[in-house]
Amino acid sequence: MANAPMSSPEKDPEDWVTRDEPMTGPQHSYLQTLAREAGEDVPADLTKAQASELIDRLQQKTGRGR
């Protein structure tokens, strides 16, 4: 399978070891951009897992999804 496309399986944010840590600076910055486009507010006290899930939802809402 030398020609098989490489993929990295996505892990559910609830399974992350760091899920309860505060969101990162880059997550917060990207969420601010997405939220502005979606007309929503971003809570300041999100965890990494919550931020990731909100990013996924807002990407779908704004059309920036993968």
PDB file of N, CA and C in Angstrom:
ATOM      1  N   MET A   1       0.822  -1.196   0.000  1.00  0.00           N
ATOM      2  CA  MET A   1       0.000   0.000   0.000  1.00  0.00           C
ATOM      3  C   MET A   1       0.864   1.256   0.000  1.00  0.00           C
ATOM      4  N   ALA A   2       1.896   1.252  -0.753  1.00  0.00           N
ATOM      5  CA  ALA A   2       2.799   2.398  -0.807  1.00  0.00           C
ATOM      6  C   ALA A   2       2.120   3.625  -1.375  1.00  0.00           C
ATOM      7  N   ASN A   3       1.083   3.445  -2.183  1.00  0.00           N
ATOM      8  CA  ASN A   3       0.400   4.577  -2.795  1.00  0.00           C
ATOM      9  C   ASN A   3      -0.854   4.996  -2.036  1.00  0.00           C
ATOM     10  N   ALA A   4      -1.125   4.375  -0.913  1.00  0.00           N
ATOM     11  CA  ALA A   4      -2.312   4.715  -0.133  1.00  0.00           C
ATOM     12  C   ALA A   4      -2.155   6.110   0.450  1.00  0.00           C
ATOM     13  N   PRO A   5      -3.217   6.910   0.395  1.00  0.00           N
ATOM     14  CA  PRO A   5      -3.121   8.263   0.955  1.00  0.00           C
ATOM     15  C   PRO A   5      -2.900   8.211   2.462  1.00  0.00           C
ATOM     16  N   MET A   6      -2.078   9.113   2.932  1.00  0.00           N
ATOM     17  CA  MET A   6      -1.826   9.175   4.370  1.00  0.00           C
ATOM     18  C   MET A   6      -2.977   9.923   5.028  1.00  0.00           C
ATOM     19  N   SER A   7      -3.412   9.423   6.131  1.00  0.00           N
ATOM     20  CA  SER A   7      -4.462  10.101   6.869  1.00  0.00           C
ATOM     21  C   SER A   7      -4.149  10.026   8.349  1.00  0.00           C
ATOM     22  N   SER A   8      -4.608  11.017   9.046  1.00  0.00           N
ATOM     23  CA  SER A   8      -4.443  10.985  10.489  1.00  0.00           C
ATOM     24  C   SER A   8      -5.836  10.918  11.093  1.00  0.00           C
ATOM     25  N   PRO A   9      -6.123   9.853  11.793  1.00  0.00           N
ATOM     26  CA  PRO A   9      -7.448   9.723  12.373  1.00  0.00           C
ATOM     27  C   PRO A   9      -7.705  10.840  13.382  1.00  0.00           C
ATOM     28  N   GLU A  10      -8.890  11.397  13.313  1.00  0.00           N
ATOM     29  CA  GLU A  10      -9.239  12.457  14.252  1.00  0.00           C
ATOM     30  C   GLU A  10      -9.741  11.837  15.540  1.00  0.00           C
ATOM     31  N   LYS A  11      -9.279  12.386  16.629  1.00  0.00           N
ATOM     32  CA  LYS A  11      -9.670  11.910  17.942  1.00  0.00           C
ATOM     33  C   LYS A  11     -10.760  12.836  18.475  1.00  0.00           C
ATOM     34  N   ASP A  12     -11.783  12.265  19.043  1.00  0.00           N
ATOM     35  CA  ASP A  12     -12.862  13.045  19.633  1.00  0.00           C
ATOM     36  C   ASP A  12     -12.288  13.920  20.738  1.00  0.00           C
ATOM     37  N   PRO A  13     -12.600  15.224  20.734  1.00  0.00           N
ATOM     38  CA  PRO A  13     -12.063  16.110  21.772  1.00  0.00           C
ATOM     39  C   PRO A  13     -12.342  15.635  23.195  1.00  0.00           C
ATOM     40  N   GLU A  14     -13.414  14.898  23.390  1.00  0.00           N
ATOM     41  CA  GLU A  14     -13.711  14.386  24.726  1.00  0.00           C
ATOM     42  C   GLU A  14     -12.710  13.318  25.165  1.00  0.00           C
ATOM     43  N   ASP A  15     -11.980  12.755  24.210  1.00  0.00           N
ATOM     44  CA  ASP A  15     -10.976  11.739  24.520  1.00  0.00           C
ATOM     45  C   ASP A  15      -9.574  12.333  24.697  1.00  0.00           C
ATOM     46  N   TRP A  16      -9.429  13.630  24.484  1.00  0.00           N
ATOM     47  CA  TRP A  16      -8.121  14.277  24.609  1.00  0.00           C
ATOM     48  C   TRP A  16      -7.666  14.255  26.064  1.00  0.00           C
ATOM     49  N   VAL A  17      -6.396  14.021  26.281  1.00  0.00           N
ATOM     50  CA  VAL A  17      -5.820  14.086  27.620  1.00  0.00           C
ATOM     51  C   VAL A  17      -5.872  15.527  28.133  1.00  0.00           C
ATOM     52  N   THR A  18      -5.733  16.494  27.227  1.00  0.00           N
ATOM     53  CA  THR A  18      -5.693  17.910  27.600  1.00  0.00           C
ATOM     54  C   THR A  18      -7.048  18.600  27.460  1.00  0.00           C
ATOM     55  N   ARG A  19      -8.118  17.821  27.342  1.00  0.00           N
ATOM     56  CA  ARG A  19      -9.431  18.398  27.050  1.00  0.00           C
ATOM     57  C   ARG A  19      -9.893  19.446  28.065  1.00  0.00           C
ATOM     58  N   ASP A  20      -9.472  19.318  29.330  1.00  0.00           N
ATOM     59  CA  ASP A  20      -9.941  20.239  30.360  1.00  0.00           C
ATOM     60  C   ASP A  20      -9.047  21.456  30.548  1.00  0.00           C
ATOM     61  N   GLU A  21      -7.955  21.524  29.792  1.00  0.00           N
ATOM     62  CA  GLU A  21      -7.079  22.697  29.873  1.00  0.00           C
ATOM     63  C   GLU A  21      -7.743  23.868  29.165  1.00  0.00           C
ATOM     64  N   PRO A  22      -7.399  25.094  29.542  1.00  0.00           N
ATOM     65  CA  PRO A  22      -7.972  26.264  28.859  1.00  0.00           C
ATOM     66  C   PRO A  22      -7.621  26.256  27.375  1.00  0.00           C
ATOM     67  N   MET A  23      -8.515  26.836  26.570  1.00  0.00           N
ATOM     68  CA  MET A  23      -8.239  26.898  25.140  1.00  0.00           C
ATOM     69  C   MET A  23      -6.927  27.636  24.894  1.00  0.00           C
ATOM     70  N   THR A  24      -6.311  27.336  23.779  1.00  0.00           N
ATOM     71  CA  THR A  24      -5.034  27.958  23.437  1.00  0.00           C
ATOM     72  C   THR A  24      -5.265  29.329  22.816  1.00  0.00           C
ATOM     73  N   GLY A  25      -4.208  30.098  22.737  1.00  0.00           N
ATOM     74  CA  GLY A  25      -4.279  31.408  22.086  1.00  0.00           C
ATOM     75  C   GLY A  25      -4.724  31.314  20.637  1.00  0.00           C
ATOM     76  N   PRO A  26      -4.137  30.387  19.865  1.00  0.00           N
ATOM     77  CA  PRO A  26      -4.585  30.256  18.475  1.00  0.00           C
ATOM     78  C   PRO A  26      -6.062  29.840  18.349  1.00  0.00           C
ATOM     79  N   GLN A  27      -6.523  28.967  19.249  1.00  0.00           N
ATOM     80  CA  GLN A  27      -7.941  28.598  19.219  1.00  0.00           C
ATOM     81  C   GLN A  27      -8.802  29.832  19.473  1.00  0.00           C
ATOM     82  N   HIS A  28      -8.445  30.606  20.466  1.00  0.00           N
ATOM     83  CA  HIS A  28      -9.218  31.803  20.810  1.00  0.00           C
ATOM     84  C   HIS A  28      -9.240  32.788  19.648  1.00  0.00           C
ATOM     85  N   SER A  29      -8.105  33.003  19.036  1.00  0.00           N
ATOM     86  CA  SER A  29      -8.014  33.937  17.922  1.00  0.00           C
ATOM     87  C   SER A  29      -8.888  33.480  16.756  1.00  0.00           C
ATOM     88  N   TYR A  30      -8.790  32.206  16.398  1.00  0.00           N
ATOM     89  CA  TYR A  30      -9.578  31.678  15.289  1.00  0.00           C
ATOM     90  C   TYR A  30     -11.066  31.712  15.626  1.00  0.00           C
ATOM     91  N   LEU A  31     -11.403  31.394  16.871  1.00  0.00           N
ATOM     92  CA  LEU A  31     -12.811  31.457  17.278  1.00  0.00           C
ATOM     93  C   LEU A  31     -13.365  32.871  17.163  1.00  0.00           C
ATOM     94  N   GLN A  32     -12.554  33.859  17.508  1.00  0.00           N
ATOM     95  CA  GLN A  32     -13.004  35.253  17.384  1.00  0.00           C
ATOM     96  C   GLN A  32     -13.338  35.574  15.931  1.00  0.00           C
ATOM     97  N   THR A  33     -12.489  35.112  15.013  1.00  0.00           N
ATOM     98  CA  THR A  33     -12.730  35.346  13.585  1.00  0.00           C
ATOM     99  C   THR A  33     -13.999  34.643  13.126  1.00  0.00           C
ATOM    100  N   LEU A  34     -14.117  33.366  13.467  1.00  0.00           N
ATOM    101  CA  LEU A  34     -15.303  32.608  13.072  1.00  0.00           C
ATOM    102  C   LEU A  34     -16.576  33.189  13.688  1.00  0.00           C
ATOM    103  N   ALA A  35     -16.513  33.530  14.956  1.00  0.00           N
ATOM    104  CA  ALA A  35     -17.691  34.056  15.647  1.00  0.00           C
ATOM    105  C   ALA A  35     -18.139  35.378  15.036  1.00  0.00           C
ATOM    106  N   ARG A  36     -17.190  36.220  14.689  1.00  0.00           N
ATOM    107  CA  ARG A  36     -17.523  37.501  14.060  1.00  0.00           C
ATOM    108  C   ARG A  36     -18.271  37.237  12.752  1.00  0.00           C
ATOM    109  N   GLU A  37     -17.774  36.292  11.950  1.00  0.00           N
ATOM    110  CA  GLU A  37     -18.425  35.966  10.683  1.00  0.00           C
ATOM    111  C   GLU A  37     -19.802  35.341  10.892  1.00  0.00           C
ATOM    112  N   ALA A  38     -19.950  34.577  11.972  1.00  0.00           N
ATOM    113  CA  ALA A  38     -21.211  33.882  12.242  1.00  0.00           C
ATOM    114  C   ALA A  38     -22.187  34.725  13.062  1.00  0.00           C
ATOM    115  N   GLY A  39     -21.731  35.888  13.529  1.00  0.00           N
ATOM    116  CA  GLY A  39     -22.601  36.736  14.349  1.00  0.00           C
ATOM    117  C   GLY A  39     -22.849  36.167  15.723  1.00  0.00           C
ATOM    118  N   GLU A  40     -21.852  35.486  16.285  1.00  0.00           N
ATOM    119  CA  GLU A  40     -21.976  34.879  17.611  1.00  0.00           C
ATOM    120  C   GLU A  40     -20.893  35.405  18.538  1.00  0.00           C
ATOM    121  N   ASP A  41     -21.076  35.142  19.826  1.00  0.00           N
ATOM    122  CA  ASP A  41     -20.079  35.491  20.836  1.00  0.00           C
ATOM    123  C   ASP A  41     -19.347  34.232  21.266  1.00  0.00           C
ATOM    124  N   VAL A  42     -18.107  34.429  21.733  1.00  0.00           N
ATOM    125  CA  VAL A  42     -17.291  33.316  22.207  1.00  0.00           C
ATOM    126  C   VAL A  42     -17.080  33.478  23.709  1.00  0.00           C
ATOM    127  N   PRO A  43     -17.495  32.489  24.513  1.00  0.00           N
ATOM    128  CA  PRO A  43     -17.209  32.555  25.946  1.00  0.00           C
ATOM    129  C   PRO A  43     -15.695  32.539  26.175  1.00  0.00           C
ATOM    130  N   ALA A  44     -15.234  33.283  27.145  1.00  0.00           N
ATOM    131  CA  ALA A  44     -13.795  33.407  27.401  1.00  0.00           C
ATOM    132  C   ALA A  44     -13.213  32.214  28.144  1.00  0.00           C
ATOM    133  N   ASP A  45     -14.052  31.415  28.771  1.00  0.00           N
ATOM    134  CA  ASP A  45     -13.543  30.358  29.647  1.00  0.00           C
ATOM    135  C   ASP A  45     -13.700  28.952  29.070  1.00  0.00           C
ATOM    136  N   LEU A  46     -13.587  28.811  27.756  1.00  0.00           N
ATOM    137  CA  LEU A  46     -13.722  27.491  27.137  1.00  0.00           C
ATOM    138  C   LEU A  46     -12.489  26.623  27.388  1.00  0.00           C
ATOM    139  N   THR A  47     -12.710  25.320  27.427  1.00  0.00           N
ATOM    140  CA  THR A  47     -11.592  24.382  27.487  1.00  0.00           C
ATOM    141  C   THR A  47     -11.123  24.108  26.056  1.00  0.00           C
ATOM    142  N   LYS A  48     -10.003  23.420  25.931  1.00  0.00           N
ATOM    143  CA  LYS A  48      -9.504  23.060  24.594  1.00  0.00           C
ATOM    144  C   LYS A  48     -10.547  22.243  23.830  1.00  0.00           C
ATOM    145  N   ALA A  49     -11.163  21.283  24.506  1.00  0.00           N
ATOM    146  CA  ALA A  49     -12.158  20.429  23.848  1.00  0.00           C
ATOM    147  C   ALA A  49     -13.381  21.236  23.430  1.00  0.00           C
ATOM    148  N   GLN A  50     -13.866  22.094  24.312  1.00  0.00           N
ATOM    149  CA  GLN A  50     -15.032  22.913  23.981  1.00  0.00           C
ATOM    150  C   GLN A  50     -14.724  23.850  22.822  1.00  0.00           C
ATOM    151  N   ALA A  51     -13.525  24.439  22.833  1.00  0.00           N
ATOM    152  CA  ALA A  51     -13.125  25.341  21.756  1.00  0.00           C
ATOM    153  C   ALA A  51     -13.070  24.597  20.432  1.00  0.00           C
ATOM    154  N   SER A  52     -12.531  23.388  20.447  1.00  0.00           N
ATOM    155  CA  SER A  52     -12.438  22.593  19.230  1.00  0.00           C
ATOM    156  C   SER A  52     -13.825  22.282  18.675  1.00  0.00           C
ATOM    157  N   GLU A  53     -14.733  21.911  19.541  1.00  0.00           N
ATOM    158  CA  GLU A  53     -16.092  21.599  19.106  1.00  0.00           C
ATOM    159  C   GLU A  53     -16.796  22.847  18.563  1.00  0.00           C
ATOM    160  N   LEU A  54     -16.571  23.996  19.206  1.00  0.00           N
ATOM    161  CA  LEU A  54     -17.171  25.236  18.723  1.00  0.00           C
ATOM    162  C   LEU A  54     -16.565  25.641  17.381  1.00  0.00           C
ATOM    163  N   ILE A  55     -15.275  25.451  17.220  1.00  0.00           N
ATOM    164  CA  ILE A  55     -14.628  25.725  15.932  1.00  0.00           C
ATOM    165  C   ILE A  55     -15.278  24.882  14.840  1.00  0.00           C
ATOM    166  N   ASP A  56     -15.467  23.601  15.092  1.00  0.00           N
ATOM    167  CA  ASP A  56     -16.101  22.723  14.095  1.00  0.00           C
ATOM    168  C   ASP A  56     -17.492  23.230  13.729  1.00  0.00           C
ATOM    169  N   ARG A  57     -18.271  23.603  14.742  1.00  0.00           N
ATOM    170  CA  ARG A  57     -19.645  24.067  14.486  1.00  0.00           C
ATOM    171  C   ARG A  57     -19.645  25.365  13.700  1.00  0.00           C
ATOM    172  N   LEU A  58     -18.776  26.302  14.096  1.00  0.00           N
ATOM    173  CA  LEU A  58     -18.743  27.590  13.414  1.00  0.00           C
ATOM    174  C   LEU A  58     -18.157  27.488  12.008  1.00  0.00           C
ATOM    175  N   GLN A  59     -17.241  26.561  11.795  1.00  0.00           N
ATOM    176  CA  GLN A  59     -16.725  26.346  10.450  1.00  0.00           C
ATOM    177  C   GLN A  59     -17.858  25.893   9.521  1.00  0.00           C
ATOM    178  N   GLN A  60     -18.700  25.001  10.004  1.00  0.00           N
ATOM    179  CA  GLN A  60     -19.832  24.560   9.194  1.00  0.00           C
ATOM    180  C   GLN A  60     -20.790  25.711   8.933  1.00  0.00           C
ATOM    181  N   LYS A  61     -21.047  26.500   9.963  1.00  0.00           N
ATOM    182  CA  LYS A  61     -22.000  27.612   9.832  1.00  0.00           C
ATOM    183  C   LYS A  61     -21.492  28.681   8.872  1.00  0.00           C
ATOM    184  N   THR A  62     -20.195  28.938   8.882  1.00  0.00           N
ATOM    185  CA  THR A  62     -19.638  30.001   8.040  1.00  0.00           C
ATOM    186  C   THR A  62     -19.162  29.509   6.686  1.00  0.00           C
ATOM    187  N   GLY A  63     -19.174  28.199   6.474  1.00  0.00           N
ATOM    188  CA  GLY A  63     -18.702  27.672   5.203  1.00  0.00           C
ATOM    189  C   GLY A  63     -17.205  27.493   5.144  1.00  0.00           C
ATOM    190  N   ARG A  64     -16.539  27.658   6.283  1.00  0.00           N
ATOM    191  CA  ARG A  64     -15.092  27.466   6.333  1.00  0.00           C
ATOM    192  C   ARG A  64     -14.730  26.029   6.675  1.00  0.00           C
ATOM    193  N   GLY A  65     -15.726  25.176   6.744  1.00  0.00           N
ATOM    194  CA  GLY A  65     -15.480  23.789   7.089  1.00  0.00           C
ATOM    195  C   GLY A  65     -14.543  23.104   6.117  1.00  0.00           C
ATOM    196  N   ARG A  66     -13.986  22.020   6.548  1.00  0.00           N
ATOM    197  CA  ARG A  66     -13.007  21.279   5.739  1.00  0.00           C
ATOM    198  C   ARG A  66     -13.594  20.633   4.530  1.00  0.00           C
TER     199      ARG A  66
END
